Amino acid sequence: MNFGKNEIKKMIYRKKGMATVVVAFFALFVFLCVALTDIMNVKVVVEDVQNYDELIRNPYKEYENIMRKTKINDLINSEQFIEMKYNPDLIIEKDPEIKTNPFEKSC
């Protein structure tokens, strides 16, 4: 067999290509093994699961109950309503002033 420069290069490239495929499959196998061991070792406890019933609960339910006809007097006599009645600045909508320097302290 006559081995010239071109034949040796072809053999190296063929072996290099095959080696790349073997290394890729080995890396995929290692990745799948590590992922499987991580998934199998997951232990879920009650504290890790969020309480969705409490998260989606209506935070304004108390105020909605107060606003029913039977409790409207309680709403009118509430401290918050009295503050809004005597201090109209609480319910005025206004845009905040735009400062030129964001690091400047407000007065």
C-alpha atoms as a PDB file:
ATOM      1  CA  MET A   1       0.000   0.000   0.000  1.00  0.00           C
ATOM      2  CA  ASN A   2       1.264   3.343  -1.004  1.00  0.00           C
ATOM      3  CA  PHE A   3       0.454   6.003   1.566  1.00  0.00           C
ATOM      4  CA  GLY A   4       0.755   9.479   0.187  1.00  0.00           C
ATOM      5  CA  LYS A   5       0.018  12.770   1.817  1.00  0.00           C
ATOM      6  CA  ASN A   6      -3.537  12.909   0.489  1.00  0.00           C
ATOM      7  CA  GLU A   7      -4.417   9.373   1.606  1.00  0.00           C
ATOM      8  CA  ILE A   8      -3.147  10.062   5.154  1.00  0.00           C
ATOM      9  CA  LYS A   9      -5.168  13.301   5.338  1.00  0.00           C
ATOM     10  CA  LYS A  10      -8.302  11.459   4.208  1.00  0.00           C
ATOM     11  CA  MET A  11      -7.794   8.787   6.884  1.00  0.00           C
ATOM     12  CA  ILE A  12      -7.272  11.434   9.599  1.00  0.00           C
ATOM     13  CA  TYR A  13     -10.389  13.370   8.551  1.00  0.00           C
ATOM     14  CA  ARG A  14     -12.469  10.189   8.474  1.00  0.00           C
ATOM     15  CA  LYS A  15     -11.257   9.163  11.934  1.00  0.00           C
ATOM     16  CA  LYS A  16     -11.689  12.716  13.227  1.00  0.00           C
ATOM     17  CA  GLY A  17     -15.279  12.816  11.934  1.00  0.00           C
ATOM     18  CA  MET A  18     -16.082   9.469  13.505  1.00  0.00           C
ATOM     19  CA  ALA A  19     -14.414  10.525  16.762  1.00  0.00           C
ATOM     20  CA  THR A  20     -16.552  13.673  16.815  1.00  0.00           C
ATOM     21  CA  VAL A  21     -19.716  11.614  16.461  1.00  0.00           C
ATOM     22  CA  VAL A  22     -18.602   9.204  19.202  1.00  0.00           C
ATOM     23  CA  VAL A  23     -17.725  12.092  21.551  1.00  0.00           C
ATOM     24  CA  ALA A  24     -21.078  13.764  20.825  1.00  0.00           C
ATOM     25  CA  PHE A  25     -22.995  10.564  21.638  1.00  0.00           C
ATOM     26  CA  PHE A  26     -20.921  10.056  24.792  1.00  0.00           C
ATOM     27  CA  ALA A  27     -21.642  13.647  25.911  1.00  0.00           C
ATOM     28  CA  LEU A  28     -25.352  13.128  25.199  1.00  0.00           C
ATOM     29  CA  PHE A  29     -25.317   9.885  27.208  1.00  0.00           C
ATOM     30  CA  VAL A  30     -23.582  11.568  30.166  1.00  0.00           C
ATOM     31  CA  PHE A  31     -26.035  14.500  30.019  1.00  0.00           C
ATOM     32  CA  LEU A  32     -29.049  12.168  29.998  1.00  0.00           C
ATOM     33  CA  CYS A  33     -27.649  10.136  32.912  1.00  0.00           C
ATOM     34  CA  VAL A  34     -27.042  13.265  35.012  1.00  0.00           C
ATOM     35  CA  ALA A  35     -30.482  14.641  34.136  1.00  0.00           C
ATOM     36  CA  LEU A  36     -32.147  11.354  35.029  1.00  0.00           C
ATOM     37  CA  THR A  37     -30.410  11.156  38.407  1.00  0.00           C
ATOM     38  CA  ASP A  38     -31.402  14.762  39.168  1.00  0.00           C
ATOM     39  CA  ILE A  39     -35.022  14.108  38.218  1.00  0.00           C
ATOM     40  CA  MET A  40     -35.167  10.890  40.229  1.00  0.00           C
ATOM     41  CA  ASN A  41     -33.795  12.621  43.363  1.00  0.00           C
ATOM     42  CA  VAL A  42     -36.498  15.311  43.473  1.00  0.00           C
ATOM     43  CA  LYS A  43     -38.459  15.079  46.697  1.00  0.00           C
ATOM     44  CA  VAL A  44     -41.523  17.329  46.786  1.00  0.00           C
ATOM     45  CA  VAL A  45     -42.813  18.364  50.183  1.00  0.00           C
ATOM     46  CA  VAL A  46     -45.951  20.265  51.084  1.00  0.00           C
ATOM     47  CA  GLU A  47     -43.988  23.409  51.977  1.00  0.00           C
ATOM     48  CA  ASP A  48     -42.600  23.646  48.429  1.00  0.00           C
ATOM     49  CA  VAL A  49     -46.023  23.699  46.788  1.00  0.00           C
ATOM     50  CA  GLN A  50     -47.622  27.133  46.699  1.00  0.00           C
ATOM     51  CA  ASN A  51     -51.054  27.686  48.158  1.00  0.00           C
ATOM     52  CA  TYR A  52     -52.872  28.796  45.008  1.00  0.00           C
ATOM     53  CA  ASP A  53     -56.166  29.145  46.847  1.00  0.00           C
ATOM     54  CA  GLU A  54     -54.648  31.888  48.991  1.00  0.00           C
ATOM     55  CA  LEU A  55     -52.789  33.481  46.072  1.00  0.00           C
ATOM     56  CA  ILE A  56     -55.913  33.945  43.944  1.00  0.00           C
ATOM     57  CA  ARG A  57     -58.130  34.956  46.845  1.00  0.00           C
ATOM     58  CA  ASN A  58     -59.842  38.313  46.373  1.00  0.00           C
ATOM     59  CA  PRO A  59     -58.069  40.830  48.646  1.00  0.00           C
ATOM     60  CA  TYR A  60     -61.031  43.226  48.403  1.00  0.00           C
ATOM     61  CA  LYS A  61     -63.638  40.748  49.628  1.00  0.00           C
ATOM     62  CA  GLU A  62     -63.876  42.507  52.981  1.00  0.00           C
ATOM     63  CA  TYR A  63     -64.614  45.828  51.280  1.00  0.00           C
ATOM     64  CA  GLU A  64     -67.109  44.215  48.919  1.00  0.00           C
ATOM     65  CA  ASN A  65     -68.982  42.850  51.925  1.00  0.00           C
ATOM     66  CA  ILE A  66     -68.982  46.287  53.536  1.00  0.00           C
ATOM     67  CA  MET A  67     -70.372  47.871  50.355  1.00  0.00           C
ATOM     68  CA  ARG A  68     -73.542  45.812  50.464  1.00  0.00           C
ATOM     69  CA  LYS A  69     -76.665  47.816  51.272  1.00  0.00           C
ATOM     70  CA  THR A  70     -76.827  46.613  54.842  1.00  0.00           C
ATOM     71  CA  LYS A  71     -73.312  47.781  55.646  1.00  0.00           C
ATOM     72  CA  ILE A  72     -73.101  51.004  53.648  1.00  0.00           C
ATOM     73  CA  ASN A  73     -73.257  53.035  56.872  1.00  0.00           C
ATOM     74  CA  ASP A  74     -70.138  51.264  58.106  1.00  0.00           C
ATOM     75  CA  LEU A  75     -68.392  52.299  54.910  1.00  0.00           C
ATOM     76  CA  ILE A  76     -69.469  55.936  55.190  1.00  0.00           C
ATOM     77  CA  ASN A  77     -68.373  56.080  58.803  1.00  0.00           C
ATOM     78  CA  SER A  78     -65.030  54.417  58.160  1.00  0.00           C
ATOM     79  CA  GLU A  79     -61.865  56.327  58.888  1.00  0.00           C
ATOM     80  CA  GLN A  80     -60.648  56.088  55.310  1.00  0.00           C
ATOM     81  CA  PHE A  81     -63.841  57.614  53.913  1.00  0.00           C
ATOM     82  CA  ILE A  82     -63.715  60.463  56.428  1.00  0.00           C
ATOM     83  CA  GLU A  83     -60.106  61.213  55.466  1.00  0.00           C
ATOM     84  CA  MET A  84     -61.061  61.314  51.779  1.00  0.00           C
ATOM     85  CA  LYS A  85     -64.017  63.560  52.550  1.00  0.00           C
ATOM     86  CA  TYR A  86     -62.024  66.162  54.477  1.00  0.00           C
ATOM     87  CA  ASN A  87     -58.754  65.912  52.567  1.00  0.00           C
ATOM     88  CA  PRO A  88     -59.465  66.139  48.814  1.00  0.00           C
ATOM     89  CA  ASP A  89     -55.746  65.917  47.987  1.00  0.00           C
ATOM     90  CA  LEU A  90     -55.911  62.177  48.662  1.00  0.00           C
ATOM     91  CA  ILE A  91     -57.989  61.489  45.576  1.00  0.00           C
ATOM     92  CA  ILE A  92     -56.459  63.961  43.111  1.00  0.00           C
ATOM     93  CA  GLU A  93     -54.589  62.282  40.297  1.00  0.00           C
ATOM     94  CA  LYS A  94     -51.369  63.980  39.323  1.00  0.00           C
ATOM     95  CA  ASP A  95     -48.264  62.947  37.478  1.00  0.00           C
ATOM     96  CA  PRO A  96     -45.002  62.995  39.408  1.00  0.00           C
ATOM     97  CA  GLU A  97     -42.487  65.656  38.495  1.00  0.00           C
ATOM     98  CA  ILE A  98     -39.770  64.546  36.122  1.00  0.00           C
ATOM     99  CA  LYS A  99     -36.340  65.319  37.514  1.00  0.00           C
ATOM    100  CA  THR A 100     -33.290  65.976  35.410  1.00  0.00           C
ATOM    101  CA  ASN A 101     -30.961  64.149  37.791  1.00  0.00           C
ATOM    102  CA  PRO A 102     -32.307  60.772  38.977  1.00  0.00           C
ATOM    103  CA  PHE A 103     -29.762  60.656  41.831  1.00  0.00           C
ATOM    104  CA  GLU A 104     -30.868  63.981  43.301  1.00  0.00           C
ATOM    105  CA  LYS A 105     -32.784  63.808  46.580  1.00  0.00           C
ATOM    106  CA  SER A 106     -36.342  65.055  46.598  1.00  0.00           C
ATOM    107  CA  CYS A 107     -37.106  68.119  48.714  1.00  0.00           C
END
